[in-house]
PDB file of N, CA and C in Angstrom:
ATOM      1  N   UNK A   1       0.847  -1.616  -0.038  1.00  0.00           N
ATOM      2  CA  UNK A   1       0.453   0.392   0.204  1.00  0.00           C
ATOM      3  C   UNK A   1       1.100   1.400   0.345  1.00  0.00           C
ATOM      4  N   UNK A   2       2.606   1.730   0.826  1.00  0.00           N
ATOM      5  CA  UNK A   2       3.113   2.709   0.868  1.00  0.00           C
ATOM      6  C   UNK A   2       3.669   2.392  -0.362  1.00  0.00           C
ATOM      7  N   UNK A   3       3.473   1.617  -1.624  1.00  0.00           N
ATOM      8  CA  UNK A   3       4.374   1.728  -2.788  1.00  0.00           C
ATOM      9  C   UNK A   3       3.030   2.518  -3.571  1.00  0.00           C
ATOM     10  N   UNK A   4       2.123   1.987  -3.643  1.00  0.00           N
ATOM     11  CA  UNK A   4       1.086   2.951  -4.316  1.00  0.00           C
ATOM     12  C   UNK A   4       0.073   4.185  -3.957  1.00  0.00           C
ATOM     13  N   UNK A   5       0.112   4.157  -2.457  1.00  0.00           N
ATOM     14  CA  UNK A   5       0.601   5.808  -2.024  1.00  0.00           C
ATOM     15  C   UNK A   5       1.762   6.778  -2.785  1.00  0.00           C
ATOM     16  N   UNK A   6       2.407   6.200  -2.514  1.00  0.00           N
ATOM     17  CA  UNK A   6       3.866   6.984  -2.407  1.00  0.00           C
ATOM     18  C   UNK A   6       3.946   7.306  -3.369  1.00  0.00           C
ATOM     19  N   UNK A   7       4.226   6.177  -4.682  1.00  0.00           N
ATOM     20  CA  UNK A   7       4.047   6.425  -6.102  1.00  0.00           C
ATOM     21  C   UNK A   7       3.061   7.385  -7.332  1.00  0.00           C
ATOM     22  N   UNK A   8       1.983   7.200  -6.094  1.00  0.00           N
ATOM     23  CA  UNK A   8       1.012   7.656  -6.913  1.00  0.00           C
ATOM     24  C   UNK A   8       1.203   9.820  -6.783  1.00  0.00           C
ATOM     25  N   UNK A   9       1.232   9.749  -5.737  1.00  0.00           N
ATOM     26  CA  UNK A   9       1.441  11.141  -5.268  1.00  0.00           C
ATOM     27  C   UNK A   9       2.921  11.843  -4.972  1.00  0.00           C
ATOM     28  N   UNK A  10       3.400  10.559  -5.427  1.00  0.00           N
ATOM     29  CA  UNK A  10       4.591  11.007  -5.946  1.00  0.00           C
ATOM     30  C   UNK A  10       4.907  11.513  -7.728  1.00  0.00           C
ATOM     31  N   UNK A  11       3.362  10.298  -8.026  1.00  0.00           N
ATOM     32  CA  UNK A  11       4.490  10.529  -9.845  1.00  0.00           C
ATOM     33  C   UNK A  11       2.682  11.860 -10.465  1.00  0.00           C
ATOM     34  N   UNK A  12       2.659  12.272  -9.463  1.00  0.00           N
ATOM     35  CA  UNK A  12       0.550  13.282  -9.124  1.00  0.00           C
ATOM     36  C   UNK A  12       1.337  14.110  -9.005  1.00  0.00           C
ATOM     37  N   UNK A  13       2.434  14.302  -8.321  1.00  0.00           N
ATOM     38  CA  UNK A  13       2.467  16.128  -8.100  1.00  0.00           C
ATOM     39  C   UNK A  13       3.795  16.231  -8.073  1.00  0.00           C
ATOM     40  N   UNK A  14       5.486  15.389  -9.542  1.00  0.00           N
ATOM     41  CA  UNK A  14       5.715  15.881 -10.329  1.00  0.00           C
ATOM     42  C   UNK A  14       4.960  16.317 -11.107  1.00  0.00           C
ATOM     43  N   UNK A  15       3.742  15.761 -11.600  1.00  0.00           N
ATOM     44  CA  UNK A  15       3.368  16.047 -13.184  1.00  0.00           C
ATOM     45  C   UNK A  15       2.669  17.142 -12.888  1.00  0.00           C
ATOM     46  N   UNK A  16       2.562  17.961 -11.566  1.00  0.00           N
ATOM     47  CA  UNK A  16       1.436  18.784 -11.820  1.00  0.00           C
ATOM     48  C   UNK A  16       2.230  20.067 -11.707  1.00  0.00           C
ATOM     49  N   UNK A  17       3.470  19.937 -10.765  1.00  0.00           N
ATOM     50  CA  UNK A  17       4.620  20.827 -10.697  1.00  0.00           C
ATOM     51  C   UNK A  17       5.394  21.079 -11.779  1.00  0.00           C
ATOM     52  N   UNK A  18       5.824  20.272 -12.919  1.00  0.00           N
ATOM     53  CA  UNK A  18       6.208  20.454 -14.068  1.00  0.00           C
ATOM     54  C   UNK A  18       5.271  20.905 -14.412  1.00  0.00           C
ATOM     55  N   UNK A  19       3.756  21.401 -14.437  1.00  0.00           N
ATOM     56  CA  UNK A  19       2.744  22.273 -16.551  1.00  0.00           C
ATOM     57  C   UNK A  19       3.118  23.199 -15.066  1.00  0.00           C
ATOM     58  N   UNK A  20       2.261  23.614 -14.332  1.00  0.00           N
ATOM     59  CA  UNK A  20       2.417  24.839 -13.516  1.00  0.00           C
ATOM     60  C   UNK A  20       3.900  25.350 -14.352  1.00  0.00           C
ATOM     61  N   UNK A  21       4.974  25.251 -13.773  1.00  0.00           N
ATOM     62  CA  UNK A  21       6.374  25.535 -14.274  1.00  0.00           C
ATOM     63  C   UNK A  21       6.408  25.881 -15.056  1.00  0.00           C
ATOM     64  N   UNK A  22       5.925  24.921 -16.552  1.00  0.00           N
ATOM     65  CA  UNK A  22       6.904  25.411 -17.770  1.00  0.00           C
ATOM     66  C   UNK A  22       5.120  26.100 -18.634  1.00  0.00           C
ATOM     67  N   UNK A  23       3.464  25.865 -17.659  1.00  0.00           N
ATOM     68  CA  UNK A  23       3.438  27.161 -18.506  1.00  0.00           C
ATOM     69  C   UNK A  23       3.693  29.131 -17.540  1.00  0.00           C
ATOM     70  N   UNK A  24       4.167  29.052 -16.226  1.00  0.00           N
ATOM     71  CA  UNK A  24       3.929  29.752 -16.246  1.00  0.00           C
ATOM     72  C   UNK A  24       5.995  30.542 -17.040  1.00  0.00           C
ATOM     73  N   UNK A  25       6.774  29.586 -16.898  1.00  0.00           N
ATOM     74  CA  UNK A  25       7.992  29.880 -18.140  1.00  0.00           C
ATOM     75  C   UNK A  25       7.269  30.324 -19.327  1.00  0.00           C
ATOM     76  N   UNK A  26       6.623  29.786 -20.290  1.00  0.00           N
ATOM     77  CA  UNK A  26       6.578  30.076 -21.116  1.00  0.00           C
ATOM     78  C   UNK A  26       5.295  32.091 -21.149  1.00  0.00           C
ATOM     79  N   UNK A  27       4.679  31.981 -20.139  1.00  0.00           N
ATOM     80  CA  UNK A  27       4.368  33.192 -19.934  1.00  0.00           C
ATOM     81  C   UNK A  27       5.055  34.204 -20.227  1.00  0.00           C
ATOM     82  N   UNK A  28       5.989  33.840 -19.513  1.00  0.00           N
ATOM     83  CA  UNK A  28       7.414  34.560 -19.023  1.00  0.00           C
ATOM     84  C   UNK A  28       8.630  35.607 -20.263  1.00  0.00           C
ATOM     85  N   UNK A  29       8.408  33.981 -21.114  1.00  0.00           N
ATOM     86  CA  UNK A  29       9.236  34.491 -22.705  1.00  0.00           C
ATOM     87  C   UNK A  29       9.781  33.482 -23.032  1.00  0.00           C
ATOM     88  N   UNK A  30       9.706  32.086 -22.088  1.00  0.00           N
ATOM     89  CA  UNK A  30      11.117  31.526 -22.945  1.00  0.00           C
ATOM     90  C   UNK A  30      10.164  30.947 -24.042  1.00  0.00           C
ATOM     91  N   UNK A  31      10.539  29.330 -24.584  1.00  0.00           N
ATOM     92  CA  UNK A  31      10.336  29.623 -26.735  1.00  0.00           C
ATOM     93  C   UNK A  31       8.703  28.376 -26.570  1.00  0.00           C
ATOM     94  N   UNK A  32       8.521  27.684 -26.439  1.00  0.00           N
ATOM     95  CA  UNK A  32       7.208  27.230 -26.640  1.00  0.00           C
ATOM     96  C   UNK A  32       6.888  26.533 -27.231  1.00  0.00           C
ATOM     97  N   UNK A  33       9.018  25.513 -27.259  1.00  0.00           N
ATOM     98  CA  UNK A  33       8.894  24.036 -27.217  1.00  0.00           C
ATOM     99  C   UNK A  33       9.264  23.905 -26.332  1.00  0.00           C
ATOM    100  N   UNK A  34      10.001  24.432 -24.973  1.00  0.00           N
ATOM    101  CA  UNK A  34      10.374  24.040 -23.792  1.00  0.00           C
ATOM    102  C   UNK A  34       8.893  24.151 -23.280  1.00  0.00           C
ATOM    103  N   UNK A  35       8.300  25.411 -23.137  1.00  0.00           N
ATOM    104  CA  UNK A  35       6.661  24.534 -22.192  1.00  0.00           C
ATOM    105  C   UNK A  35       6.338  23.129 -22.586  1.00  0.00           C
ATOM    106  N   UNK A  36       5.708  23.275 -24.243  1.00  0.00           N
ATOM    107  CA  UNK A  36       5.591  21.352 -24.506  1.00  0.00           C
ATOM    108  C   UNK A  36       5.822  20.378 -24.546  1.00  0.00           C
ATOM    109  N   UNK A  37       7.369  20.175 -24.310  1.00  0.00           N
ATOM    110  CA  UNK A  37       8.459  19.354 -23.468  1.00  0.00           C
ATOM    111  C   UNK A  37       7.996  19.066 -22.712  1.00  0.00           C
ATOM    112  N   UNK A  38       8.230  20.088 -21.212  1.00  0.00           N
ATOM    113  CA  UNK A  38       7.588  20.616 -19.953  1.00  0.00           C
ATOM    114  C   UNK A  38       7.043  19.212 -19.987  1.00  0.00           C
ATOM    115  N   UNK A  39       5.625  19.647 -20.435  1.00  0.00           N
ATOM    116  CA  UNK A  39       4.284  19.234 -20.496  1.00  0.00           C
ATOM    117  C   UNK A  39       3.879  17.340 -21.061  1.00  0.00           C
ATOM    118  N   UNK A  40       4.868  17.615 -22.235  1.00  0.00           N
ATOM    119  CA  UNK A  40       4.851  16.201 -23.085  1.00  0.00           C
ATOM    120  C   UNK A  40       5.282  15.439 -21.421  1.00  0.00           C
ATOM    121  N   UNK A  41       6.565  15.388 -21.051  1.00  0.00           N
ATOM    122  CA  UNK A  41       7.231  14.991 -19.650  1.00  0.00           C
ATOM    123  C   UNK A  41       6.297  14.152 -18.831  1.00  0.00           C
ATOM    124  N   UNK A  42       5.455  15.741 -18.522  1.00  0.00           N
ATOM    125  CA  UNK A  42       4.882  15.321 -17.518  1.00  0.00           C
ATOM    126  C   UNK A  42       3.188  14.064 -18.142  1.00  0.00           C
ATOM    127  N   UNK A  43       2.864  14.533 -18.647  1.00  0.00           N
ATOM    128  CA  UNK A  43       2.799  13.399 -19.183  1.00  0.00           C
ATOM    129  C   UNK A  43       2.265  12.086 -18.210  1.00  0.00           C
ATOM    130  N   UNK A  44       3.385  11.789 -19.986  1.00  0.00           N
ATOM    131  CA  UNK A  44       4.181  11.079 -19.195  1.00  0.00           C
ATOM    132  C   UNK A  44       4.694   9.207 -17.873  1.00  0.00           C
ATOM    133  N   UNK A  45       4.682  11.440 -16.771  1.00  0.00           N
ATOM    134  CA  UNK A  45       5.609  11.081 -15.847  1.00  0.00           C
ATOM    135  C   UNK A  45       3.821  10.149 -14.922  1.00  0.00           C
ATOM    136  N   UNK A  46       2.700  11.145 -15.567  1.00  0.00           N
ATOM    137  CA  UNK A  46       1.679  10.549 -14.591  1.00  0.00           C
ATOM    138  C   UNK A  46       1.018   9.753 -15.572  1.00  0.00           C
ATOM    139  N   UNK A  47       1.155   9.077 -15.368  1.00  0.00           N
ATOM    140  CA  UNK A  47       1.012   7.788 -16.316  1.00  0.00           C
ATOM    141  C   UNK A  47       1.383   6.269 -15.652  1.00  0.00           C
ATOM    142  N   UNK A  48       2.417   6.553 -15.462  1.00  0.00           N
ATOM    143  CA  UNK A  48       2.940   6.570 -14.047  1.00  0.00           C
ATOM    144  C   UNK A  48       2.761   5.874 -12.601  1.00  0.00           C
ATOM    145  N   UNK A  49       1.281   6.168 -12.738  1.00  0.00           N
ATOM    146  CA  UNK A  49       0.022   6.256 -11.731  1.00  0.00           C
ATOM    147  C   UNK A  49      -0.356   4.891 -11.742  1.00  0.00           C
ATOM    148  N   UNK A  50      -1.733   4.541 -13.402  1.00  0.00           N
ATOM    149  CA  UNK A  50      -1.591   3.317 -13.822  1.00  0.00           C
ATOM    150  C   UNK A  50       0.225   1.685 -13.577  1.00  0.00           C
ATOM    151  N   UNK A  51       0.794   2.328 -12.955  1.00  0.00           N
ATOM    152  CA  UNK A  51       2.008   1.012 -12.841  1.00  0.00           C
ATOM    153  C   UNK A  51       1.940   0.001 -11.434  1.00  0.00           C
ATOM    154  N   UNK A  52       1.694   0.878 -10.752  1.00  0.00           N
ATOM    155  CA  UNK A  52       0.553  -0.321  -9.621  1.00  0.00           C
ATOM    156  C   UNK A  52      -0.115  -1.295 -10.030  1.00  0.00           C
ATOM    157  N   UNK A  53      -1.655  -0.887 -10.472  1.00  0.00           N
ATOM    158  CA  UNK A  53      -1.789  -2.029 -11.588  1.00  0.00           C
ATOM    159  C   UNK A  53      -1.448  -2.662 -12.670  1.00  0.00           C
ATOM    160  N   UNK A  54      -0.412  -2.888 -12.887  1.00  0.00           N
ATOM    161  CA  UNK A  54       0.162  -3.629 -14.477  1.00  0.00           C
ATOM    162  C   UNK A  54      -0.305  -2.698 -15.672  1.00  0.00           C
ATOM    163  N   UNK A  55      -0.406  -1.862 -15.530  1.00  0.00           N
ATOM    164  CA  UNK A  55      -0.845  -1.329 -17.322  1.00  0.00           C
ATOM    165  C   UNK A  55      -0.014  -1.644 -18.059  1.00  0.00           C
ATOM    166  N   UNK A  56       0.194  -2.205 -18.854  1.00  0.00           N
ATOM    167  CA  UNK A  56       0.551  -2.302 -20.344  1.00  0.00           C
ATOM    168  C   UNK A  56       1.500  -1.475 -20.899  1.00  0.00           C
ATOM    169  N   UNK A  57       2.458  -0.850 -20.586  1.00  0.00           N
ATOM    170  CA  UNK A  57       3.413   0.161 -20.866  1.00  0.00           C
ATOM    171  C   UNK A  57       3.697   1.325 -20.329  1.00  0.00           C
ATOM    172  N   UNK A  58       2.798   1.298 -19.320  1.00  0.00           N
ATOM    173  CA  UNK A  58       2.603   2.153 -17.732  1.00  0.00           C
ATOM    174  C   UNK A  58       3.740   2.796 -16.666  1.00  0.00           C
ATOM    175  N   UNK A  59       5.087   0.991 -16.779  1.00  0.00           N
ATOM    176  CA  UNK A  59       6.103   1.635 -16.337  1.00  0.00           C
ATOM    177  C   UNK A  59       7.508   2.624 -17.336  1.00  0.00           C
ATOM    178  N   UNK A  60       7.606   2.376 -18.499  1.00  0.00           N
ATOM    179  CA  UNK A  60       8.669   2.735 -19.937  1.00  0.00           C
ATOM    180  C   UNK A  60       8.009   3.667 -19.799  1.00  0.00           C
ATOM    181  N   UNK A  61       6.663   4.494 -20.178  1.00  0.00           N
ATOM    182  CA  UNK A  61       5.743   5.148 -20.312  1.00  0.00           C
ATOM    183  C   UNK A  61       6.738   6.224 -18.943  1.00  0.00           C
ATOM    184  N   UNK A  62       6.419   6.409 -17.959  1.00  0.00           N
ATOM    185  CA  UNK A  62       6.886   6.676 -16.352  1.00  0.00           C
ATOM    186  C   UNK A  62       8.440   7.350 -16.857  1.00  0.00           C
ATOM    187  N   UNK A  63       8.985   6.012 -17.297  1.00  0.00           N
ATOM    188  CA  UNK A  63      10.320   6.360 -17.382  1.00  0.00           C
ATOM    189  C   UNK A  63      11.432   6.285 -18.125  1.00  0.00           C
ATOM    190  N   UNK A  64      10.385   7.180 -19.547  1.00  0.00           N
ATOM    191  CA  UNK A  64      10.947   8.079 -20.427  1.00  0.00           C
ATOM    192  C   UNK A  64       9.880   9.507 -20.321  1.00  0.00           C
ATOM    193  N   UNK A  65       8.873   9.686 -19.740  1.00  0.00           N
ATOM    194  CA  UNK A  65       9.175  10.683 -19.020  1.00  0.00           C
ATOM    195  C   UNK A  65       9.901  11.172 -17.792  1.00  0.00           C
ATOM    196  N   UNK A  66      10.158  10.613 -17.040  1.00  0.00           N
ATOM    197  CA  UNK A  66      11.620  11.238 -16.329  1.00  0.00           C
ATOM    198  C   UNK A  66      12.734  11.191 -16.680  1.00  0.00           C
ATOM    199  N   UNK A  67      13.064  10.085 -17.678  1.00  0.00           N
ATOM    200  CA  UNK A  67      14.067  10.539 -18.577  1.00  0.00           C
ATOM    201  C   UNK A  67      14.035  11.844 -19.757  1.00  0.00           C
ATOM    202  N   UNK A  68      13.732  12.020 -19.896  1.00  0.00           N
ATOM    203  CA  UNK A  68      12.569  13.517 -21.420  1.00  0.00           C
ATOM    204  C   UNK A  68      12.931  14.860 -19.843  1.00  0.00           C
ATOM    205  N   UNK A  69      12.351  14.354 -18.586  1.00  0.00           N
ATOM    206  CA  UNK A  69      12.266  14.926 -17.327  1.00  0.00           C
ATOM    207  C   UNK A  69      12.856  16.097 -16.946  1.00  0.00           C
ATOM    208  N   UNK A  70      14.482  14.325 -16.910  1.00  0.00           N
ATOM    209  CA  UNK A  70      15.698  15.392 -16.943  1.00  0.00           C
ATOM    210  C   UNK A  70      16.251  16.214 -17.238  1.00  0.00           C
ATOM    211  N   UNK A  71      16.037  15.917 -18.774  1.00  0.00           N
ATOM    212  CA  UNK A  71      16.443  16.346 -19.727  1.00  0.00           C
ATOM    213  C   UNK A  71      16.260  18.279 -20.421  1.00  0.00           C
ATOM    214  N   UNK A  72      15.041  18.079 -19.845  1.00  0.00           N
ATOM    215  CA  UNK A  72      13.763  19.850 -19.517  1.00  0.00           C
ATOM    216  C   UNK A  72      14.613  19.543 -18.429  1.00  0.00           C
ATOM    217  N   UNK A  73      14.789  19.681 -17.355  1.00  0.00           N
ATOM    218  CA  UNK A  73      15.688  20.261 -16.061  1.00  0.00           C
ATOM    219  C   UNK A  73      17.067  20.742 -15.860  1.00  0.00           C
ATOM    220  N   UNK A  74      17.419  20.008 -17.159  1.00  0.00           N
ATOM    221  CA  UNK A  74      19.272  20.613 -17.735  1.00  0.00           C
ATOM    222  C   UNK A  74      18.647  21.322 -18.852  1.00  0.00           C
ATOM    223  N   UNK A  75      18.117  21.338 -19.393  1.00  0.00           N
ATOM    224  CA  UNK A  75      17.279  22.782 -21.034  1.00  0.00           C
ATOM    225  C   UNK A  75      17.108  24.151 -19.803  1.00  0.00           C
ATOM    226  N   UNK A  76      15.832  23.730 -18.858  1.00  0.00           N
ATOM    227  CA  UNK A  76      15.566  24.848 -17.564  1.00  0.00           C
ATOM    228  C   UNK A  76      16.862  25.579 -17.399  1.00  0.00           C
ATOM    229  N   UNK A  77      18.127  24.700 -16.573  1.00  0.00           N
ATOM    230  CA  UNK A  77      19.011  25.700 -16.088  1.00  0.00           C
ATOM    231  C   UNK A  77      19.885  26.528 -17.632  1.00  0.00           C
ATOM    232  N   UNK A  78      19.790  25.322 -19.382  1.00  0.00           N
ATOM    233  CA  UNK A  78      20.999  26.692 -20.163  1.00  0.00           C
ATOM    234  C   UNK A  78      20.104  27.924 -19.871  1.00  0.00           C
ATOM    235  N   UNK A  79      19.060  27.062 -20.126  1.00  0.00           N
ATOM    236  CA  UNK A  79      17.705  28.922 -21.021  1.00  0.00           C
ATOM    237  C   UNK A  79      17.162  29.485 -19.358  1.00  0.00           C
ATOM    238  N   UNK A  80      17.765  29.426 -18.560  1.00  0.00           N
ATOM    239  CA  UNK A  80      17.580  30.729 -17.080  1.00  0.00           C
ATOM    240  C   UNK A  80      18.660  31.358 -17.281  1.00  0.00           C
ATOM    241  N   UNK A  81      20.470  30.925 -17.004  1.00  0.00           N
ATOM    242  CA  UNK A  81      21.332  31.036 -17.348  1.00  0.00           C
ATOM    243  C   UNK A  81      21.942  32.145 -18.372  1.00  0.00           C
ATOM    244  N   UNK A  82      21.476  31.587 -19.018  1.00  0.00           N
ATOM    245  CA  UNK A  82      21.434  32.699 -20.960  1.00  0.00           C
ATOM    246  C   UNK A  82      20.378  33.765 -20.714  1.00  0.00           C
ATOM    247  N   UNK A  83      18.879  34.147 -19.724  1.00  0.00           N
ATOM    248  CA  UNK A  83      18.265  35.151 -19.538  1.00  0.00           C
ATOM    249  C   UNK A  83      19.365  35.943 -18.326  1.00  0.00           C
ATOM    250  N   UNK A  84      19.389  34.596 -18.018  1.00  0.00           N
ATOM    251  CA  UNK A  84      20.793  36.399 -16.184  1.00  0.00           C
ATOM    252  C   UNK A  84      21.647  36.694 -16.964  1.00  0.00           C
ATOM    253  N   UNK A  85      22.241  36.257 -18.166  1.00  0.00           N
ATOM    254  CA  UNK A  85      23.451  37.381 -18.976  1.00  0.00           C
ATOM    255  C   UNK A  85      22.945  38.651 -19.027  1.00  0.00           C
TER     256      UNK A  85
END
């Protein structure tokens, strides 16, 4: 039960946070592709909610989402650094 609740909350909160940050950054002038990339990563992460019920492809989608999310976070650091110069 702990992994079901913990993973569900973790995946859900990561996805919601990512969508919120992506939308705020887009409104602040960041590129549209960046917001779309963050939203896609969030959607894939959110599919991880179905993983405890062994939904086919849920674990792979979640893994791909977190890999994409990691790249998105690195891109955020680069874009943020360029904006501060």
